[in-house]
Amino acid sequence: MSVRQPDGSVSNVRSFRIERATARDVPALHALIRGLADYERLSHLCVATEANLAAALFGPAPAAEALIARVDANPEESVGFALF
């Protein structure tokens, strides 16, 4: 889908949806977290593993929750997250 901007330019827009993350999303969440750490040049501080992320989100005593954004055209493509 294309959208005309106020300055007259045209940009491509992909639609996406935001969902509550599930245990099957742990690899994607971990990759997004690592990607953000790399971008911020803080990967040396990012010590999370998929296993401890899964335990923190979906273990017997969850310590956090997560949302994940997916591209509508490709529901396997995760493009964002919120961890709270």
PDB file of N, CA and C in Angstrom:
ATOM      1  N   MET A   1       0.847  -1.170   0.000  1.00  0.00           N
ATOM      2  CA  MET A   1       0.000   0.000   0.000  1.00  0.00           C
ATOM      3  C   MET A   1       0.891   1.231   0.000  1.00  0.00           C
ATOM      4  N   SER A   2       0.535   2.236  -0.753  1.00  0.00           N
ATOM      5  CA  SER A   2       1.279   3.496  -0.797  1.00  0.00           C
ATOM      6  C   SER A   2       0.443   4.605  -0.194  1.00  0.00           C
ATOM      7  N   VAL A   3       1.126   5.537   0.449  1.00  0.00           N
ATOM      8  CA  VAL A   3       0.458   6.675   1.084  1.00  0.00           C
ATOM      9  C   VAL A   3       1.148   7.944   0.628  1.00  0.00           C
ATOM     10  N   ARG A   4       0.339   8.940   0.207  1.00  0.00           N
ATOM     11  CA  ARG A   4       0.907  10.232  -0.188  1.00  0.00           C
ATOM     12  C   ARG A   4       1.090  11.075   1.073  1.00  0.00           C
ATOM     13  N   GLN A   5       2.317  11.567   1.270  1.00  0.00           N
ATOM     14  CA  GLN A   5       2.662  12.385   2.429  1.00  0.00           C
ATOM     15  C   GLN A   5       2.272  13.843   2.165  1.00  0.00           C
ATOM     16  N   PRO A   6       2.160  14.671   3.225  1.00  0.00           N
ATOM     17  CA  PRO A   6       1.795  16.081   3.037  1.00  0.00           C
ATOM     18  C   PRO A   6       2.728  16.839   2.103  1.00  0.00           C
ATOM     19  N   ASP A   7       3.992  16.425   2.012  1.00  0.00           N
ATOM     20  CA  ASP A   7       4.934  17.127   1.116  1.00  0.00           C
ATOM     21  C   ASP A   7       4.836  16.642  -0.326  1.00  0.00           C
ATOM     22  N   GLY A   8       3.901  15.732  -0.617  1.00  0.00           N
ATOM     23  CA  GLY A   8       3.699  15.232  -1.964  1.00  0.00           C
ATOM     24  C   GLY A   8       4.441  13.942  -2.270  1.00  0.00           C
ATOM     25  N   SER A   9       5.356  13.545  -1.408  1.00  0.00           N
ATOM     26  CA  SER A   9       6.083  12.301  -1.642  1.00  0.00           C
ATOM     27  C   SER A   9       5.173  11.106  -1.349  1.00  0.00           C
ATOM     28  N   VAL A  10       5.584   9.959  -1.859  1.00  0.00           N
ATOM     29  CA  VAL A  10       4.809   8.742  -1.670  1.00  0.00           C
ATOM     30  C   VAL A  10       5.674   7.748  -0.899  1.00  0.00           C
ATOM     31  N   SER A  11       5.095   7.130   0.113  1.00  0.00           N
ATOM     32  CA  SER A  11       5.843   6.126   0.867  1.00  0.00           C
ATOM     33  C   SER A  11       5.051   4.823   0.890  1.00  0.00           C
ATOM     34  N   ASN A  12       5.776   3.725   0.945  1.00  0.00           N
ATOM     35  CA  ASN A  12       5.144   2.418   1.064  1.00  0.00           C
ATOM     36  C   ASN A  12       4.872   2.136   2.532  1.00  0.00           C
ATOM     37  N   VAL A  13       3.694   1.621   2.798  1.00  0.00           N
ATOM     38  CA  VAL A  13       3.305   1.332   4.173  1.00  0.00           C
ATOM     39  C   VAL A  13       2.922  -0.136   4.260  1.00  0.00           C
ATOM     40  N   ARG A  14       3.486  -0.818   5.218  1.00  0.00           N
ATOM     41  CA  ARG A  14       3.093  -2.193   5.473  1.00  0.00           C
ATOM     42  C   ARG A  14       2.174  -2.178   6.683  1.00  0.00           C
ATOM     43  N   SER A  15       1.088  -2.899   6.605  1.00  0.00           N
ATOM     44  CA  SER A  15       0.212  -2.971   7.765  1.00  0.00           C
ATOM     45  C   SER A  15       0.733  -4.057   8.696  1.00  0.00           C
ATOM     46  N   PHE A  16       0.505  -3.858   9.973  1.00  0.00           N
ATOM     47  CA  PHE A  16       0.960  -4.817  10.956  1.00  0.00           C
ATOM     48  C   PHE A  16      -0.054  -4.908  12.075  1.00  0.00           C
ATOM     49  N   ARG A  17       0.131  -5.883  12.932  1.00  0.00           N
ATOM     50  CA  ARG A  17      -0.751  -6.040  14.083  1.00  0.00           C
ATOM     51  C   ARG A  17       0.100  -6.281  15.315  1.00  0.00           C
ATOM     52  N   ILE A  18      -0.440  -5.925  16.461  1.00  0.00           N
ATOM     53  CA  ILE A  18       0.249  -6.106  17.735  1.00  0.00           C
ATOM     54  C   ILE A  18      -0.520  -7.139  18.533  1.00  0.00           C
ATOM     55  N   GLU A  19       0.215  -8.137  19.029  1.00  0.00           N
ATOM     56  CA  GLU A  19      -0.401  -9.236  19.768  1.00  0.00           C
ATOM     57  C   GLU A  19       0.372  -9.486  21.061  1.00  0.00           C
ATOM     58  N   ARG A  20      -0.299 -10.108  22.007  1.00  0.00           N
ATOM     59  CA  ARG A  20       0.379 -10.570  23.208  1.00  0.00           C
ATOM     60  C   ARG A  20       1.327 -11.692  22.796  1.00  0.00           C
ATOM     61  N   ALA A  21       2.560 -11.628  23.246  1.00  0.00           N
ATOM     62  CA  ALA A  21       3.547 -12.650  22.906  1.00  0.00           C
ATOM     63  C   ALA A  21       3.204 -13.965  23.595  1.00  0.00           C
ATOM     64  N   THR A  22       3.547 -15.054  22.934  1.00  0.00           N
ATOM     65  CA  THR A  22       3.371 -16.390  23.494  1.00  0.00           C
ATOM     66  C   THR A  22       4.744 -17.059  23.573  1.00  0.00           C
ATOM     67  N   ALA A  23       4.785 -18.222  24.175  1.00  0.00           N
ATOM     68  CA  ALA A  23       6.052 -18.940  24.331  1.00  0.00           C
ATOM     69  C   ALA A  23       6.712 -19.211  22.970  1.00  0.00           C
ATOM     70  N   ARG A  24       5.928 -19.403  21.932  1.00  0.00           N
ATOM     71  CA  ARG A  24       6.529 -19.660  20.617  1.00  0.00           C
ATOM     72  C   ARG A  24       7.219 -18.425  20.048  1.00  0.00           C
ATOM     73  N   ASP A  25       6.980 -17.254  20.635  1.00  0.00           N
ATOM     74  CA  ASP A  25       7.603 -16.014  20.172  1.00  0.00           C
ATOM     75  C   ASP A  25       8.961 -15.740  20.813  1.00  0.00           C
ATOM     76  N   VAL A  26       9.379 -16.575  21.742  1.00  0.00           N
ATOM     77  CA  VAL A  26      10.637 -16.318  22.457  1.00  0.00           C
ATOM     78  C   VAL A  26      11.829 -16.152  21.510  1.00  0.00           C
ATOM     79  N   PRO A  27      12.022 -17.009  20.505  1.00  0.00           N
ATOM     80  CA  PRO A  27      13.165 -16.787  19.609  1.00  0.00           C
ATOM     81  C   PRO A  27      13.105 -15.433  18.891  1.00  0.00           C
ATOM     82  N   ALA A  28      11.938 -15.036  18.444  1.00  0.00           N
ATOM     83  CA  ALA A  28      11.801 -13.739  17.767  1.00  0.00           C
ATOM     84  C   ALA A  28      12.044 -12.588  18.733  1.00  0.00           C
ATOM     85  N   LEU A  29      11.499 -12.687  19.942  1.00  0.00           N
ATOM     86  CA  LEU A  29      11.728 -11.647  20.949  1.00  0.00           C
ATOM     87  C   LEU A  29      13.212 -11.532  21.276  1.00  0.00           C
ATOM     88  N   HIS A  30      13.846 -12.667  21.451  1.00  0.00           N
ATOM     89  CA  HIS A  30      15.275 -12.660  21.768  1.00  0.00           C
ATOM     90  C   HIS A  30      16.067 -12.007  20.641  1.00  0.00           C
ATOM     91  N   ALA A  31      15.734 -12.330  19.404  1.00  0.00           N
ATOM     92  CA  ALA A  31      16.426 -11.733  18.256  1.00  0.00           C
ATOM     93  C   ALA A  31      16.195 -10.216  18.200  1.00  0.00           C
ATOM     94  N   LEU A  32      14.977  -9.778  18.482  1.00  0.00           N
ATOM     95  CA  LEU A  32      14.687  -8.346  18.480  1.00  0.00           C
ATOM     96  C   LEU A  32      15.442  -7.630  19.596  1.00  0.00           C
ATOM     97  N   ILE A  33      15.508  -8.234  20.771  1.00  0.00           N
ATOM     98  CA  ILE A  33      16.246  -7.646  21.896  1.00  0.00           C
ATOM     99  C   ILE A  33      17.730  -7.548  21.558  1.00  0.00           C
ATOM    100  N   ARG A  34      18.283  -8.630  21.003  1.00  0.00           N
ATOM    101  CA  ARG A  34      19.699  -8.615  20.604  1.00  0.00           C
ATOM    102  C   ARG A  34      19.950  -7.567  19.520  1.00  0.00           C
ATOM    103  N   GLY A  35      19.018  -7.463  18.578  1.00  0.00           N
ATOM    104  CA  GLY A  35      19.159  -6.465  17.524  1.00  0.00           C
ATOM    105  C   GLY A  35      19.158  -5.045  18.067  1.00  0.00           C
ATOM    106  N   LEU A  36      18.298  -4.776  19.038  1.00  0.00           N
ATOM    107  CA  LEU A  36      18.268  -3.453  19.653  1.00  0.00           C
ATOM    108  C   LEU A  36      19.568  -3.189  20.408  1.00  0.00           C
ATOM    109  N   ALA A  37      20.045  -4.178  21.144  1.00  0.00           N
ATOM    110  CA  ALA A  37      21.313  -4.024  21.870  1.00  0.00           C
ATOM    111  C   ALA A  37      22.460  -3.752  20.901  1.00  0.00           C
ATOM    112  N   ASP A  38      22.495  -4.480  19.783  1.00  0.00           N
ATOM    113  CA  ASP A  38      23.539  -4.251  18.773  1.00  0.00           C
ATOM    114  C   ASP A  38      23.444  -2.832  18.216  1.00  0.00           C
ATOM    115  N   TYR A  39      22.223  -2.404  17.888  1.00  0.00           N
ATOM    116  CA  TYR A  39      22.018  -1.071  17.330  1.00  0.00           C
ATOM    117  C   TYR A  39      22.502   0.010  18.304  1.00  0.00           C
ATOM    118  N   GLU A  40      22.211  -0.183  19.576  1.00  0.00           N
ATOM    119  CA  GLU A  40      22.594   0.793  20.595  1.00  0.00           C
ATOM    120  C   GLU A  40      24.045   0.624  21.052  1.00  0.00           C
ATOM    121  N   ARG A  41      24.746  -0.328  20.435  1.00  0.00           N
ATOM    122  CA  ARG A  41      26.135  -0.650  20.806  1.00  0.00           C
ATOM    123  C   ARG A  41      26.240  -1.038  22.276  1.00  0.00           C
ATOM    124  N   LEU A  42      25.259  -1.815  22.724  1.00  0.00           N
ATOM    125  CA  LEU A  42      25.224  -2.288  24.101  1.00  0.00           C
ATOM    126  C   LEU A  42      25.161  -3.805  24.174  1.00  0.00           C
ATOM    127  N   SER A  43      25.548  -4.471  23.094  1.00  0.00           N
ATOM    128  CA  SER A  43      25.437  -5.930  23.085  1.00  0.00           C
ATOM    129  C   SER A  43      26.277  -6.585  24.172  1.00  0.00           C
ATOM    130  N   HIS A  44      27.323  -5.910  24.626  1.00  0.00           N
ATOM    131  CA  HIS A  44      28.129  -6.460  25.714  1.00  0.00           C
ATOM    132  C   HIS A  44      27.358  -6.506  27.038  1.00  0.00           C
ATOM    133  N   LEU A  45      26.268  -5.741  27.133  1.00  0.00           N
ATOM    134  CA  LEU A  45      25.440  -5.741  28.339  1.00  0.00           C
ATOM    135  C   LEU A  45      24.231  -6.669  28.223  1.00  0.00           C
ATOM    136  N   CYS A  46      23.974  -7.166  27.038  1.00  0.00           N
ATOM    137  CA  CYS A  46      22.807  -8.017  26.793  1.00  0.00           C
ATOM    138  C   CYS A  46      23.192  -9.470  27.072  1.00  0.00           C
ATOM    139  N   VAL A  47      22.777  -9.967  28.224  1.00  0.00           N
ATOM    140  CA  VAL A  47      23.173 -11.317  28.643  1.00  0.00           C
ATOM    141  C   VAL A  47      22.007 -12.303  28.609  1.00  0.00           C
ATOM    142  N   ALA A  48      20.847 -11.850  28.169  1.00  0.00           N
ATOM    143  CA  ALA A  48      19.668 -12.715  28.140  1.00  0.00           C
ATOM    144  C   ALA A  48      19.862 -13.875  27.168  1.00  0.00           C
ATOM    145  N   THR A  49      19.353 -15.019  27.558  1.00  0.00           N
ATOM    146  CA  THR A  49      19.303 -16.178  26.668  1.00  0.00           C
ATOM    147  C   THR A  49      17.836 -16.460  26.370  1.00  0.00           C
ATOM    148  N   GLU A  50      17.584 -17.267  25.362  1.00  0.00           N
ATOM    149  CA  GLU A  50      16.194 -17.646  25.085  1.00  0.00           C
ATOM    150  C   GLU A  50      15.594 -18.364  26.293  1.00  0.00           C
ATOM    151  N   ALA A  51      16.389 -19.187  26.952  1.00  0.00           N
ATOM    152  CA  ALA A  51      15.880 -19.960  28.093  1.00  0.00           C
ATOM    153  C   ALA A  51      15.487 -19.054  29.256  1.00  0.00           C
ATOM    154  N   ASN A  52      16.332 -18.077  29.610  1.00  0.00           N
ATOM    155  CA  ASN A  52      15.929 -17.252  30.745  1.00  0.00           C
ATOM    156  C   ASN A  52      14.872 -16.231  30.370  1.00  0.00           C
ATOM    157  N   LEU A  53      14.796 -15.855  29.097  1.00  0.00           N
ATOM    158  CA  LEU A  53      13.696 -15.006  28.643  1.00  0.00           C
ATOM    159  C   LEU A  53      12.381 -15.762  28.730  1.00  0.00           C
ATOM    160  N   ALA A  54      12.382 -17.021  28.288  1.00  0.00           N
ATOM    161  CA  ALA A  54      11.177 -17.853  28.380  1.00  0.00           C
ATOM    162  C   ALA A  54      10.742 -18.027  29.832  1.00  0.00           C
ATOM    163  N   ALA A  55      11.688 -18.245  30.716  1.00  0.00           N
ATOM    164  CA  ALA A  55      11.351 -18.406  32.138  1.00  0.00           C
ATOM    165  C   ALA A  55      10.775 -17.118  32.716  1.00  0.00           C
ATOM    166  N   ALA A  56      11.353 -15.977  32.347  1.00  0.00           N
ATOM    167  CA  ALA A  56      10.879 -14.695  32.872  1.00  0.00           C
ATOM    168  C   ALA A  56       9.488 -14.337  32.360  1.00  0.00           C
ATOM    169  N   LEU A  57       9.183 -14.760  31.136  1.00  0.00           N
ATOM    170  CA  LEU A  57       7.883 -14.408  30.543  1.00  0.00           C
ATOM    171  C   LEU A  57       6.810 -15.469  30.751  1.00  0.00           C
ATOM    172  N   PHE A  58       7.202 -16.742  30.731  1.00  0.00           N
ATOM    173  CA  PHE A  58       6.200 -17.809  30.700  1.00  0.00           C
ATOM    174  C   PHE A  58       6.422 -18.897  31.747  1.00  0.00           C
ATOM    175  N   GLY A  59       7.361 -18.683  32.646  1.00  0.00           N
ATOM    176  CA  GLY A  59       7.636 -19.668  33.687  1.00  0.00           C
ATOM    177  C   GLY A  59       6.568 -19.663  34.764  1.00  0.00           C
ATOM    178  N   PRO A  60       6.777 -20.407  35.844  1.00  0.00           N
ATOM    179  CA  PRO A  60       5.786 -20.519  36.909  1.00  0.00           C
ATOM    180  C   PRO A  60       5.522 -19.203  37.648  1.00  0.00           C
ATOM    181  N   ALA A  61       6.491 -18.285  37.648  1.00  0.00           N
ATOM    182  CA  ALA A  61       6.313 -16.980  38.296  1.00  0.00           C
ATOM    183  C   ALA A  61       6.765 -15.891  37.328  1.00  0.00           C
ATOM    184  N   PRO A  62       5.946 -15.581  36.311  1.00  0.00           N
ATOM    185  CA  PRO A  62       6.353 -14.602  35.302  1.00  0.00           C
ATOM    186  C   PRO A  62       6.714 -13.248  35.933  1.00  0.00           C
ATOM    187  N   ALA A  63       7.817 -12.674  35.464  1.00  0.00           N
ATOM    188  CA  ALA A  63       8.285 -11.393  35.983  1.00  0.00           C
ATOM    189  C   ALA A  63       8.002 -10.242  35.017  1.00  0.00           C
ATOM    190  N   ALA A  64       7.545 -10.557  33.818  1.00  0.00           N
ATOM    191  CA  ALA A  64       7.302  -9.533  32.805  1.00  0.00           C
ATOM    192  C   ALA A  64       6.282 -10.063  31.801  1.00  0.00           C
ATOM    193  N   GLU A  65       5.834  -9.159  30.937  1.00  0.00           N
ATOM    194  CA  GLU A  65       4.951  -9.512  29.825  1.00  0.00           C
ATOM    195  C   GLU A  65       5.535  -8.903  28.564  1.00  0.00           C
ATOM    196  N   ALA A  66       5.080  -9.370  27.417  1.00  0.00           N
ATOM    197  CA  ALA A  66       5.595  -8.839  26.151  1.00  0.00           C
ATOM    198  C   ALA A  66       4.488  -8.778  25.109  1.00  0.00           C
ATOM    199  N   LEU A  67       4.607  -7.792  24.249  1.00  0.00           N
ATOM    200  CA  LEU A  67       3.779  -7.672  23.049  1.00  0.00           C
ATOM    201  C   LEU A  67       4.720  -7.792  21.866  1.00  0.00           C
ATOM    202  N   ILE A  68       4.191  -8.252  20.750  1.00  0.00           N
ATOM    203  CA  ILE A  68       5.012  -8.396  19.550  1.00  0.00           C
ATOM    204  C   ILE A  68       4.220  -7.855  18.356  1.00  0.00           C
ATOM    205  N   ALA A  69       4.916  -7.139  17.479  1.00  0.00           N
ATOM    206  CA  ALA A  69       4.294  -6.595  16.273  1.00  0.00           C
ATOM    207  C   ALA A  69       4.684  -7.477  15.097  1.00  0.00           C
ATOM    208  N   ARG A  70       3.685  -7.839  14.298  1.00  0.00           N
ATOM    209  CA  ARG A  70       3.909  -8.699  13.130  1.00  0.00           C
ATOM    210  C   ARG A  70       3.364  -8.015  11.876  1.00  0.00           C
ATOM    211  N   VAL A  71       4.026  -8.282  10.764  1.00  0.00           N
ATOM    212  CA  VAL A  71       3.576  -7.769   9.474  1.00  0.00           C
ATOM    213  C   VAL A  71       2.383  -8.604   9.029  1.00  0.00           C
ATOM    214  N   ASP A  72       1.287  -7.933   8.652  1.00  0.00           N
ATOM    215  CA  ASP A  72       0.086  -8.664   8.226  1.00  0.00           C
ATOM    216  C   ASP A  72       0.347  -9.571   7.030  1.00  0.00           C
ATOM    217  N   ALA A  73       1.112  -9.080   6.061  1.00  0.00           N
ATOM    218  CA  ALA A  73       1.348  -9.864   4.851  1.00  0.00           C
ATOM    219  C   ALA A  73       2.194 -11.106   5.127  1.00  0.00           C
ATOM    220  N   ASN A  74       2.975 -11.092   6.190  1.00  0.00           N
ATOM    221  CA  ASN A  74       3.822 -12.229   6.538  1.00  0.00           C
ATOM    222  C   ASN A  74       3.803 -12.386   8.059  1.00  0.00           C
ATOM    223  N   PRO A  75       2.841 -13.125   8.600  1.00  0.00           N
ATOM    224  CA  PRO A  75       2.687 -13.214  10.049  1.00  0.00           C
ATOM    225  C   PRO A  75       3.893 -13.803  10.782  1.00  0.00           C
ATOM    226  N   GLU A  76       4.826 -14.398  10.035  1.00  0.00           N
ATOM    227  CA  GLU A  76       6.046 -14.920  10.667  1.00  0.00           C
ATOM    228  C   GLU A  76       7.107 -13.832  10.829  1.00  0.00           C
ATOM    229  N   GLU A  77       6.885 -12.658  10.225  1.00  0.00           N
ATOM    230  CA  GLU A  77       7.857 -11.569  10.296  1.00  0.00           C
ATOM    231  C   GLU A  77       7.531 -10.657  11.479  1.00  0.00           C
ATOM    232  N   SER A  78       8.371 -10.698  12.497  1.00  0.00           N
ATOM    233  CA  SER A  78       8.208  -9.851  13.672  1.00  0.00           C
ATOM    234  C   SER A  78       9.021  -8.584  13.468  1.00  0.00           C
ATOM    235  N   VAL A  79       8.382  -7.425  13.714  1.00  0.00           N
ATOM    236  CA  VAL A  79       9.052  -6.165  13.430  1.00  0.00           C
ATOM    237  C   VAL A  79       9.177  -5.250  14.645  1.00  0.00           C
ATOM    238  N   GLY A  80       8.656  -5.657  15.771  1.00  0.00           N
ATOM    239  CA  GLY A  80       8.767  -4.819  16.966  1.00  0.00           C
ATOM    240  C   GLY A  80       8.278  -5.555  18.186  1.00  0.00           C
ATOM    241  N   PHE A  81       8.601  -4.990  19.345  1.00  0.00           N
ATOM    242  CA  PHE A  81       8.174  -5.610  20.590  1.00  0.00           C
ATOM    243  C   PHE A  81       8.063  -4.563  21.686  1.00  0.00           C
ATOM    244  N   ALA A  82       7.331  -4.890  22.717  1.00  0.00           N
ATOM    245  CA  ALA A  82       7.280  -4.116  23.957  1.00  0.00           C
ATOM    246  C   ALA A  82       7.425  -5.127  25.090  1.00  0.00           C
ATOM    247  N   LEU A  83       8.312  -4.833  25.994  1.00  0.00           N
ATOM    248  CA  LEU A  83       8.569  -5.703  27.140  1.00  0.00           C
ATOM    249  C   LEU A  83       8.276  -4.880  28.373  1.00  0.00           C
ATOM    250  N   PHE A  84       7.384  -5.374  29.222  1.00  0.00           N
ATOM    251  CA  PHE A  84       7.007  -4.594  30.421  1.00  0.00           C
ATOM    252  C   PHE A  84       6.713  -5.505  31.583  1.00  0.00           C
TER     253      PHE A  84
END
